[in-house]
Protein backbone atom coordinates (compact mmCIF):
# COMPACT_ATOMS: atom_id res chain seq x y z
CA UNK A 1 -16.87 -5.49 -8.89
CA UNK A 2 -14.13 -4.54 -6.47
CA UNK A 3 -12.26 -3.00 -8.99
CA UNK A 4 -15.22 -1.23 -10.00
CA UNK A 5 -15.91 -0.26 -6.19
CA UNK A 6 -11.59 1.39 -6.21
CA UNK A 7 -12.19 3.12 -9.41
CA UNK A 8 -15.65 5.24 -8.57
CA UNK A 9 -13.94 6.18 -5.17
CA UNK A 10 -11.20 7.73 -7.14
CA UNK A 11 -14.43 9.32 -9.03
CA UNK A 12 -14.53 11.52 -6.14
CA UNK A 13 -10.55 12.27 -5.41
CA UNK A 14 -10.87 13.76 -8.49
CA UNK A 15 -13.55 16.14 -7.83
CA UNK A 16 -11.81 17.26 -4.87
CA UNK A 17 -9.12 19.08 -7.07
CA UNK A 18 -12.06 20.88 -8.99
CA UNK A 19 -11.31 23.93 -5.93
CA UNK A 20 -8.18 24.48 -7.85
CA UNK A 21 -8.96 25.06 -11.53
CA UNK A 22 -8.14 28.79 -11.61
CA UNK A 23 -5.00 27.72 -9.66
CA UNK A 24 -3.09 25.78 -12.07
CA UNK A 25 -3.51 22.45 -14.27
CA UNK A 26 -3.80 19.28 -12.23
CA UNK A 27 -0.23 17.34 -11.34
CA UNK A 28 -1.32 13.88 -12.41
CA UNK A 29 0.77 10.90 -10.52
CA UNK A 30 0.17 7.44 -12.57
CA UNK A 31 -0.03 4.71 -10.66
CA UNK A 32 -0.20 1.39 -12.26
CA UNK A 33 -1.01 -1.54 -9.43
CA UNK A 34 -1.97 -5.21 -9.53
CA UNK A 35 -5.81 -4.68 -9.35
CA UNK A 36 -6.28 -8.55 -10.42
CA UNK A 37 -4.08 -11.11 -10.68
CA UNK A 38 -1.46 -12.06 -7.99
CA UNK A 39 -1.20 -7.80 -6.48
CA UNK A 40 -5.00 -8.16 -6.15
CA UNK A 41 -4.38 -8.74 -2.09
CA UNK A 42 -2.32 -5.76 -1.37
CA UNK A 43 -3.61 -3.28 -4.53
CA UNK A 44 -6.39 -1.97 -2.70
CA UNK A 45 -4.50 -0.63 1.07
CA UNK A 46 -2.43 0.93 -1.92
CA UNK A 47 -5.52 2.62 -3.96
CA UNK A 48 -6.02 3.72 -0.59
CA UNK A 49 -2.81 5.49 0.92
CA UNK A 50 -2.92 6.86 -2.69
CA UNK A 51 -5.38 9.29 -2.06
CA UNK A 52 -5.06 9.76 1.99
CA UNK A 53 -1.60 11.36 0.45
CA UNK A 54 -3.50 12.85 -2.39
CA UNK A 55 -6.30 14.32 -0.56
CA UNK A 56 -3.91 15.60 2.60
CA UNK A 57 -1.49 17.41 -0.04
CA UNK A 58 -4.58 18.96 -1.69
CA UNK A 59 -6.10 20.08 1.26
CA UNK A 60 -2.84 22.57 2.44
CA UNK A 61 -2.90 23.63 -0.91
CA UNK A 62 -1.32 21.19 -3.31
CA UNK A 63 2.08 21.28 -5.12
CA UNK A 64 3.15 24.84 -6.35
CA UNK A 65 -0.59 25.96 -6.16
CA UNK A 66 -1.11 23.26 -8.15
CA UNK A 67 -4.14 20.59 -7.62
CA UNK A 68 -1.97 16.65 -7.54
CA UNK A 69 -4.56 13.81 -9.53
CA UNK A 70 -4.51 10.18 -9.26
CA UNK A 71 -4.57 7.75 -12.60
CA UNK A 72 -5.09 4.39 -11.45
CA UNK A 73 -4.04 1.90 -14.33
CA UNK A 74 -4.68 -2.15 -13.35
CA UNK A 75 -1.41 -3.95 -14.71
CA UNK A 76 -2.65 -6.99 -13.66
CA UNK A 77 0.36 -7.99 -11.28
CA UNK A 78 2.28 -9.05 -14.57
CA UNK A 79 4.58 -7.67 -17.54
CA UNK A 80 1.78 -7.76 -20.00
CA UNK A 81 -0.81 -5.54 -17.67
CA UNK A 82 2.25 -3.37 -17.18
CA UNK A 83 3.21 -2.72 -21.09
CA UNK A 84 -0.73 -2.19 -21.40
CA UNK A 85 -1.23 0.15 -17.79
CA UNK A 86 2.43 2.32 -18.39
CA UNK A 87 1.75 3.12 -21.91
CA UNK A 88 -1.85 4.40 -21.29
CA UNK A 89 -0.41 6.56 -17.94
CA UNK A 90 2.88 7.96 -20.07
CA UNK A 91 1.24 8.68 -23.82
CA UNK A 92 -2.55 9.35 -22.67
CA UNK A 93 -3.29 10.36 -19.60
CA UNK A 94 0.22 12.02 -19.73
CA UNK A 95 1.02 12.09 -16.33
CA UNK A 96 4.23 13.28 -14.49
CA UNK A 97 5.33 10.66 -12.65
CA UNK A 98 4.96 7.59 -11.25
CA UNK A 99 4.64 6.10 -7.99
CA UNK A 100 3.79 2.55 -8.22
CA UNK A 101 4.03 -0.88 -6.22
CA UNK A 102 4.02 -3.34 -8.15
CA UNK A 103 5.37 -7.17 -8.65
CA UNK A 104 9.26 -7.17 -10.33
CA UNK A 105 7.36 -8.87 -14.15
CA UNK A 106 5.33 -5.47 -14.32
CA UNK A 107 8.19 -2.71 -13.53
CA UNK A 108 10.78 -4.92 -15.59
CA UNK A 109 8.61 -4.66 -18.56
CA UNK A 110 7.54 -0.83 -17.84
CA UNK A 111 10.75 0.19 -17.51
CA UNK A 112 11.98 1.09 -21.29
CA UNK A 113 8.45 3.21 -20.98
CA UNK A 114 9.58 5.15 -18.24
CA UNK A 115 13.07 5.75 -20.72
CA UNK A 116 11.37 6.36 -23.31
CA UNK A 117 8.40 9.07 -21.89
CA UNK A 118 10.69 10.23 -19.55
CA UNK A 119 8.77 10.60 -16.67
CA UNK A 120 9.86 10.24 -12.91
CA UNK A 121 9.54 6.76 -11.95
CA UNK A 122 9.67 6.08 -7.87
CA UNK A 123 9.01 2.31 -6.83
CA UNK A 124 7.65 1.87 -3.84
CA UNK A 125 7.73 -2.38 -3.22
CA UNK A 126 10.09 -4.41 -1.88
CA UNK A 127 11.89 -6.53 -4.86
CA UNK A 128 15.62 -8.20 -4.99
CA UNK A 129 17.32 -4.96 -5.86
CA UNK A 130 19.88 -4.28 -8.27
CA UNK A 131 17.40 -2.57 -10.45
CA UNK A 132 19.04 1.00 -11.90
CA UNK A 133 18.05 3.65 -14.15
CA UNK A 134 18.95 7.48 -13.88
CA UNK A 135 14.01 7.68 -13.34
CA UNK A 136 14.28 5.08 -11.37
CA UNK A 137 14.29 6.02 -7.37
CA UNK A 138 12.94 2.89 -4.61
CA UNK A 139 11.61 3.75 -1.15
CA UNK A 140 11.18 -0.25 0.05
CA UNK A 141 13.28 -2.67 1.01
CA UNK A 142 15.96 -4.50 -0.66
CA UNK A 143 17.58 -8.06 0.23
CA UNK A 144 20.68 -6.63 1.86
CA UNK A 145 18.07 -5.18 3.98
CA UNK A 146 15.80 -8.24 4.78
CA UNK A 147 16.77 -11.28 4.76
CA UNK A 148 19.86 -11.53 7.22
CA UNK A 149 17.39 -10.04 10.41
CA UNK A 150 15.46 -13.22 9.66
CA UNK A 151 18.11 -15.73 8.79
CA UNK A 152 20.57 -14.92 11.86
CA UNK A 153 17.22 -15.15 14.38
CA UNK A 154 16.66 -18.95 12.88
CA UNK A 155 20.04 -20.04 12.88
CA UNK A 156 20.89 -18.27 16.33
CA UNK A 157 17.45 -19.26 18.63
CA UNK A 158 16.23 -22.14 16.96
CA UNK A 159 19.85 -23.53 16.02
CA UNK A 160 18.98 -24.28 12.52
CA UNK A 161 21.81 -24.59 10.31
CA UNK A 162 19.19 -26.66 7.11
CA UNK A 163 17.21 -24.65 5.35
CA UNK A 164 14.43 -25.44 2.47
CA UNK A 165 14.11 -21.96 0.12
CA UNK A 166 10.55 -22.17 -2.21
CA UNK A 167 9.26 -19.04 -3.98
CA UNK A 168 7.83 -18.34 -7.21
CA UNK A 169 9.04 -18.65 -10.57
CA UNK A 170 10.65 -15.30 -11.64
CA UNK A 171 13.10 -12.36 -10.56
CA UNK A 172 11.51 -11.34 -7.70
CA UNK A 173 11.05 -15.40 -6.11
CA UNK A 174 14.69 -16.40 -7.43
CA UNK A 175 16.68 -13.06 -6.79
CA UNK A 176 15.57 -13.44 -3.08
CA UNK A 177 16.59 -16.42 -2.40
CA UNK A 178 19.78 -16.52 -4.75
CA UNK A 179 20.86 -13.75 -1.86
CA UNK A 180 18.98 -15.88 0.43
CA UNK A 181 21.00 -18.92 -0.84
CA UNK A 182 24.21 -16.93 -0.69
CA UNK A 183 23.69 -15.95 2.72
CA UNK A 184 23.54 -18.39 4.06
CA UNK A 185 25.84 -20.51 3.37
CA UNK A 186 28.39 -17.24 3.88
CA UNK A 187 26.70 -17.78 7.60
CA UNK A 188 27.78 -21.39 7.99
CA UNK A 189 24.20 -23.09 7.06
CA UNK A 190 22.83 -25.21 4.04
CA UNK A 191 20.45 -24.96 1.72
CA UNK A 192 18.52 -28.39 1.51
CA UNK A 193 16.15 -27.53 -1.44
CA UNK A 194 15.26 -24.98 -3.64
CA UNK A 195 11.85 -25.12 -5.57
CA UNK A 196 9.30 -22.69 -7.42
CA UNK A 197 6.56 -22.78 -9.00
CA UNK A 198 5.56 -20.32 -11.40
CA UNK A 199 4.13 -16.95 -10.54
CA UNK A 200 0.10 -18.24 -10.63
CA UNK A 201 0.95 -20.79 -9.09
CA UNK A 202 -1.64 -22.60 -6.66
CA UNK A 203 -1.25 -26.18 -6.33
CA UNK A 204 2.74 -26.74 -4.02
CA UNK A 205 1.88 -30.54 -2.93
CA UNK A 206 5.03 -31.80 -4.19
CA UNK A 207 6.87 -29.04 -2.66
CA UNK A 208 6.00 -29.34 0.44
CA UNK A 209 6.23 -33.44 0.10
CA UNK A 210 10.10 -32.47 -1.29
CA UNK A 211 10.81 -30.73 2.34
CA UNK A 212 9.12 -32.97 4.23
CA UNK A 213 11.54 -35.64 3.21
CA UNK A 214 14.46 -33.23 3.52
CA UNK A 215 15.63 -32.77 7.01
CA UNK A 216 15.24 -28.69 6.29
CA UNK A 217 15.34 -27.65 10.14
CA UNK A 218 13.68 -23.70 8.96
CA UNK A 219 11.81 -22.65 5.54
CA UNK A 220 12.37 -19.72 3.72
CA UNK A 221 9.53 -18.70 1.06
CA UNK A 222 9.13 -15.74 -1.82
CA UNK A 223 5.96 -15.29 -3.61
CA UNK A 224 4.96 -13.31 -6.22
CA UNK A 225 2.19 -10.91 -3.64
CA UNK A 226 -0.39 -11.72 -2.11
CA UNK A 227 -2.17 -15.06 -3.76
CA UNK A 228 1.31 -17.14 -3.56
CA UNK A 229 1.48 -16.60 0.00
CA UNK A 230 -2.41 -17.39 0.67
CA UNK A 231 -2.21 -20.54 -0.98
CA UNK A 232 1.95 -22.19 -0.22
CA UNK A 233 1.34 -21.37 3.76
CA UNK A 234 -2.54 -22.96 3.89
CA UNK A 235 -1.01 -25.71 2.31
CA UNK A 236 2.23 -25.80 3.95
CA UNK A 237 -0.61 -25.82 7.62
CA UNK A 238 -2.71 -28.68 6.83
CA UNK A 239 0.31 -30.84 5.90
CA UNK A 240 1.70 -30.60 9.84
CA UNK A 241 5.19 -28.41 8.59
CA UNK A 242 5.15 -26.95 11.92
CA UNK A 243 9.62 -25.35 11.33
CA UNK A 244 10.99 -22.18 11.50
CA UNK A 245 8.88 -20.20 8.54
CA UNK A 246 10.55 -16.67 7.02
CA UNK A 247 8.13 -15.41 4.65
CA UNK A 248 9.71 -12.49 2.63
CA UNK A 249 7.19 -11.79 0.51
CA UNK A 250 3.95 -11.68 3.47
CA UNK A 251 2.47 -8.35 4.19
CA UNK A 252 0.90 -7.25 7.45
CA UNK A 253 -2.01 -6.57 5.97
CA UNK A 254 -2.23 -9.78 4.09
CA UNK A 255 -1.48 -11.66 6.88
CA UNK A 256 -4.05 -10.54 8.89
CA UNK A 257 -6.29 -11.98 5.83
CA UNK A 258 -4.69 -15.15 5.31
CA UNK A 259 -5.77 -15.40 9.92
CA UNK A 260 -4.13 -18.28 11.58
CA UNK A 261 -3.03 -20.01 9.05
CA UNK A 262 -0.29 -17.28 8.93
CA UNK A 263 0.02 -17.48 12.52
CA UNK A 264 3.81 -18.19 13.44
CA UNK A 265 5.45 -16.75 10.31
CA UNK A 266 8.25 -14.83 10.76
CA UNK A 267 8.17 -11.31 8.60
CA UNK A 268 11.07 -8.84 8.23
CA UNK A 269 9.84 -5.08 7.42
CA UNK A 270 10.00 -1.71 7.21
CA UNK A 271 6.54 -1.10 8.29
CA UNK A 272 4.52 -2.40 11.11
CA UNK A 273 1.45 -1.00 12.81
CA UNK A 274 2.42 -1.20 15.96
CA UNK A 275 5.92 1.46 15.34
CA UNK A 276 4.57 4.25 18.30
CA UNK A 277 5.55 7.22 16.61
CA UNK A 278 3.91 10.58 17.26
CA UNK A 279 4.11 10.02 12.67
CA UNK A 280 2.38 6.14 13.01
CA UNK A 281 -0.19 7.14 14.69
CA UNK A 282 -1.61 10.01 12.48
CA UNK A 283 -1.31 8.17 9.98
CA UNK A 284 -3.28 5.39 10.61
CA UNK A 285 -5.39 8.16 12.47
CA UNK A 286 -5.82 10.19 9.09
CA UNK A 287 -6.72 6.17 7.43
CA UNK A 288 -9.19 5.69 9.82
CA UNK A 289 -10.85 9.28 9.71
CA UNK A 290 -10.50 8.65 6.22
CA UNK A 291 -11.92 5.00 4.89
CA UNK A 292 -13.67 4.11 8.12
CA UNK A 293 -15.11 0.08 7.71
CA UNK A 294 -13.65 -0.33 4.39
CA UNK A 295 -10.09 0.19 5.10
CA UNK A 296 -7.69 -2.37 4.54
CA UNK A 297 -4.86 -2.74 6.89
CA UNK A 298 -1.91 -0.41 6.24
CA UNK A 299 1.56 -1.87 4.91
CA UNK A 300 4.85 -2.89 4.02
CA UNK A 301 3.73 -2.03 0.93
CA UNK A 302 1.23 0.94 0.86
CA UNK A 303 2.89 3.31 3.59
CA UNK A 304 6.48 3.25 1.35
CA UNK A 305 3.47 5.06 -1.43
CA UNK A 306 1.64 7.17 1.22
CA UNK A 307 6.01 8.51 1.81
CA UNK A 308 6.67 8.40 -2.06
CA UNK A 309 3.80 10.94 -3.01
CA UNK A 310 5.20 13.41 0.06
CA UNK A 311 8.81 12.85 -1.91
CA UNK A 312 7.14 13.50 -4.99
CA UNK A 313 6.16 16.76 -3.47
CA UNK A 314 9.17 17.36 -1.65
CA UNK A 315 11.32 17.46 -4.68
CA UNK A 316 9.01 19.16 -7.04
CA UNK A 317 8.96 22.13 -4.80
CA UNK A 318 13.02 22.19 -4.42
CA UNK A 319 13.05 21.87 -8.07
CA UNK A 320 10.32 24.86 -8.64
CA UNK A 321 9.32 22.97 -11.08
CA UNK A 322 7.96 19.33 -12.31
CA UNK A 323 9.85 18.77 -15.28
CA UNK A 324 11.54 15.23 -15.44
CA UNK A 325 15.06 16.30 -15.25
CA UNK A 326 14.72 18.88 -12.48
CA UNK A 327 12.73 16.57 -10.10
CA UNK A 328 15.41 13.56 -11.38
CA UNK A 329 17.97 15.79 -9.77
CA UNK A 330 16.31 17.05 -6.97
CA UNK A 331 14.96 13.54 -5.60
CA UNK A 332 18.07 12.13 -3.48
CA UNK A 333 18.60 15.08 -2.08
CA UNK A 334 14.76 15.42 -0.38
CA UNK A 335 13.47 13.09 2.73
CA UNK A 336 10.01 12.85 4.46
CA UNK A 337 8.87 11.79 7.93
CA UNK A 338 6.19 9.68 7.57
CA UNK A 339 4.77 6.85 9.33
CA UNK A 340 8.17 4.48 8.88
CA UNK A 341 10.73 7.77 9.49
CA UNK A 342 12.22 9.76 8.17
CA UNK A 343 12.98 8.30 4.66
CA UNK A 344 15.14 9.25 2.05
CA UNK A 345 15.82 7.38 -1.34
CA UNK A 346 19.91 9.14 -1.40
CA UNK A 347 21.76 5.70 -1.23
CA UNK A 348 21.45 5.09 -5.51
CA UNK A 349 18.59 6.36 -5.98
CA UNK A 350 18.29 3.77 -2.79
CA UNK A 351 17.01 4.14 0.95
CA UNK A 352 18.81 3.05 4.38
CA UNK A 353 15.30 2.02 6.56
CA UNK A 354 14.45 1.15 9.90
CA UNK A 355 14.05 -2.69 10.04
CA UNK A 356 11.89 -4.82 11.95
CA UNK A 357 12.29 -8.56 12.42
CA UNK A 358 7.81 -9.93 13.84
CA UNK A 359 6.12 -13.19 14.36
CA UNK A 360 2.91 -13.22 13.15
CA UNK A 361 0.27 -13.94 15.90
CA UNK A 362 -3.20 -16.00 15.50
CA UNK A 363 -5.03 -13.19 14.99
CA UNK A 364 -2.64 -11.97 12.32
CA UNK A 365 -1.47 -8.95 13.83
CA UNK A 366 3.05 -8.70 13.92
CA UNK A 367 4.43 -8.86 17.22
CA UNK A 368 8.15 -7.37 17.27
CA UNK A 369 11.01 -9.28 18.27
CA UNK A 370 13.86 -7.60 17.11
CA UNK A 371 14.34 -3.83 15.50
CA UNK A 372 17.53 -2.32 13.24
CA UNK A 373 18.30 0.79 12.50
CA UNK A 374 19.03 2.52 9.41
CA UNK A 375 20.02 -0.38 7.48
CA UNK A 376 22.16 0.06 5.03
CA UNK A 377 20.81 -1.12 1.28
CA UNK A 378 24.59 -1.43 0.06
CA UNK A 379 25.63 -1.43 -3.07
CA UNK A 380 22.70 -1.13 -5.09
CA UNK A 381 22.90 1.09 -8.60
CA UNK A 382 27.24 2.89 -8.25
CA UNK A 383 26.74 4.02 -11.57
CA UNK A 384 24.05 6.37 -11.05
């Protein structure tokens, strides 16, 4: 029923492009996203931010006099679903671009279709880094930007030296924790345990028992999107674990949905709703006005989606064309001032980002503890 409601709302959005019928064919934006599976907790907020961006752009005259139209496909949060979704969007819907927040498994499965179909792909999810393709651009954070604020805080403020790492067993979970282990050890700490469950795993009991017996002084977790975050956090709380806890995968929207179970968690994010800027306040008001009581909390997965649609608009306008080669050439040279500030995918198809270290409160809201301006993503794709 949730998915049906999303698609019904999209039908209304597509009708809003009718006013452009005389001025040009719609520019189609493909959005493969996990309406089912692990990402189903956060996907609705991503769809909402996509809708707002397209509505705003169309209301202002579209792009090169043409309307934007969304094509949403459920990638089921995994590889098999992504192959079907990308195939449908690229070859049946003939989209001009893919802009999406997805699991790393879904992204990796879709990339061969992107290459064969030759369409631009803006990936809007934080991820483990170093995914490189001439058509792929990323406007979200990588480990070099996200991990150090949490580890440094735990070592300095909590005097933690012994860390336990817990993740989902796929490229994001392992990639993030591999970087975390290296950074912890480089900083003088030790990893006393490292364990994983499959992406759809939900029983963390054995791992929590090992954690409690390990002598760990802090926890770092990296799980697959919304659902595993919820189950792991609930089970840590139920087991009475009360250690400094840094979650590399939770977003503010999921934290609000978890309520008191998320209280105390530290997150490192490029977006929090409390950013005090005119652009963020304008965005939050527009979201509230459009979706009212149905609004999903804007977060570090949905906001990059909103900004990416504007970045694509800027690239098409700079190229004066939707031709893939022209747009790919233009994307590194454009920027957009959105809720997170000025975003440009200029660093090897990745973006320098201001990062916020925050702690989740009892209401699920995030209090900013520290801010790190314009953090470089490091050497991600030096050969592009």
